[in-house]
Amino acid sequence: MLDVRLPIGLLFLVLGSMLAIYGYMNPPLQKLYFSQVGLPLNINVPWGILMTLFGIAMVSLARLDRAAALERELKAKAEAEPSIEL
């Protein structure tokens, strides 16, 4: 069964990296003004980085869960088999 964290994580990973790269390649056209101070902030860069980090976290959690499921399966299989003692 496919864990939903894997495709969602891959989606955020790809889209976030594309958004961050796009933000780095294109400088901001207007300055954002915060209390009379102009900041040349390109909003695509921080959101692209956050989306990429979220995608990495989701993919990592999916892989950890898959490893834990395999470990549980192997442990159950080892307990089900009769052990031969000499």
Protein backbone atom coordinates (compact mmCIF):
# COMPACT_ATOMS: atom_id res chain seq x y z
CA MET A 1 0.00 0.00 0.00
CA LEU A 2 1.32 3.44 -0.93
CA ASP A 3 1.90 5.82 1.93
CA VAL A 4 0.39 9.23 1.14
CA ARG A 5 3.43 10.96 2.63
CA LEU A 6 5.67 9.82 -0.21
CA PRO A 7 3.84 11.39 -3.20
CA ILE A 8 2.97 14.53 -1.24
CA GLY A 9 6.58 14.84 -0.10
CA LEU A 10 7.89 14.40 -3.62
CA LEU A 11 5.41 16.99 -4.90
CA PHE A 12 6.49 19.57 -2.32
CA LEU A 13 10.15 18.70 -2.88
CA VAL A 14 9.97 19.29 -6.63
CA LEU A 15 7.72 22.35 -6.52
CA GLY A 16 9.62 23.94 -3.63
CA SER A 17 12.98 23.53 -5.31
CA MET A 18 11.57 24.93 -8.57
CA LEU A 19 10.11 27.93 -6.73
CA ALA A 20 13.36 28.61 -4.86
CA ILE A 21 15.43 28.39 -8.05
CA TYR A 22 12.96 30.67 -9.84
CA GLY A 23 13.20 33.16 -6.98
CA TYR A 24 16.99 33.16 -7.07
CA MET A 25 17.09 33.62 -10.84
CA ASN A 26 14.59 36.51 -10.97
CA PRO A 27 15.25 39.54 -8.75
CA PRO A 28 12.25 41.25 -7.13
CA LEU A 29 10.51 43.88 -9.23
CA GLN A 30 9.23 45.93 -6.29
CA LYS A 31 10.39 46.49 -2.76
CA LEU A 32 8.19 45.38 0.09
CA TYR A 33 7.66 48.17 2.60
CA PHE A 34 7.59 47.32 6.29
CA SER A 35 7.05 50.43 8.44
CA GLN A 36 8.55 52.91 5.97
CA VAL A 37 11.60 50.72 5.17
CA GLY A 38 11.92 49.15 1.73
CA LEU A 39 13.21 45.59 1.69
CA PRO A 40 14.20 43.93 -1.57
CA LEU A 41 12.61 40.65 -0.55
CA ASN A 42 11.70 38.06 -3.14
CA ILE A 43 8.95 36.08 -1.45
CA ASN A 44 9.50 33.08 -3.74
CA VAL A 45 12.84 32.21 -2.17
CA PRO A 46 11.80 31.67 1.47
CA TRP A 47 8.58 29.89 0.51
CA GLY A 48 10.47 27.67 -1.93
CA ILE A 49 12.94 26.76 0.80
CA LEU A 50 10.13 26.03 3.29
CA MET A 51 8.29 23.87 0.75
CA THR A 52 11.49 21.97 -0.01
CA LEU A 53 12.14 21.34 3.69
CA PHE A 54 8.56 20.15 4.17
CA GLY A 55 8.97 17.78 1.21
CA ILE A 56 12.21 16.41 2.65
CA ALA A 57 10.50 15.83 6.00
CA MET A 58 7.56 14.02 4.39
CA VAL A 59 9.77 11.76 2.27
CA SER A 60 11.96 11.00 5.29
CA LEU A 61 8.95 10.09 7.43
CA ALA A 62 7.62 7.82 4.67
CA ARG A 63 10.96 6.03 4.40
CA LEU A 64 11.27 5.64 8.18
CA ASP A 65 7.78 4.15 8.35
CA ARG A 66 8.61 1.75 5.51
CA ALA A 67 11.76 0.62 7.33
CA ALA A 68 9.83 0.14 10.57
CA ALA A 69 7.16 -1.89 8.76
CA LEU A 70 9.81 -4.15 7.22
CA GLU A 71 11.41 -4.61 10.62
CA ARG A 72 8.06 -5.57 12.18
CA GLU A 73 7.40 -7.98 9.31
CA LEU A 74 10.77 -9.69 9.72
CA LYS A 75 10.31 -9.91 13.48
CA ALA A 76 6.85 -11.48 13.07
CA LYS A 77 8.20 -13.94 10.52
CA ALA A 78 11.08 -14.91 12.82
CA GLU A 79 8.66 -15.49 15.72
CA ALA A 80 6.32 -17.58 13.54
CA GLU A 81 9.04 -19.98 12.39
CA PRO A 82 9.88 -22.73 14.85
CA SER A 83 13.42 -22.56 16.07
CA ILE A 84 15.55 -25.67 15.82
CA GLU A 85 17.64 -26.31 18.88
CA LEU A 86 20.44 -28.81 18.96
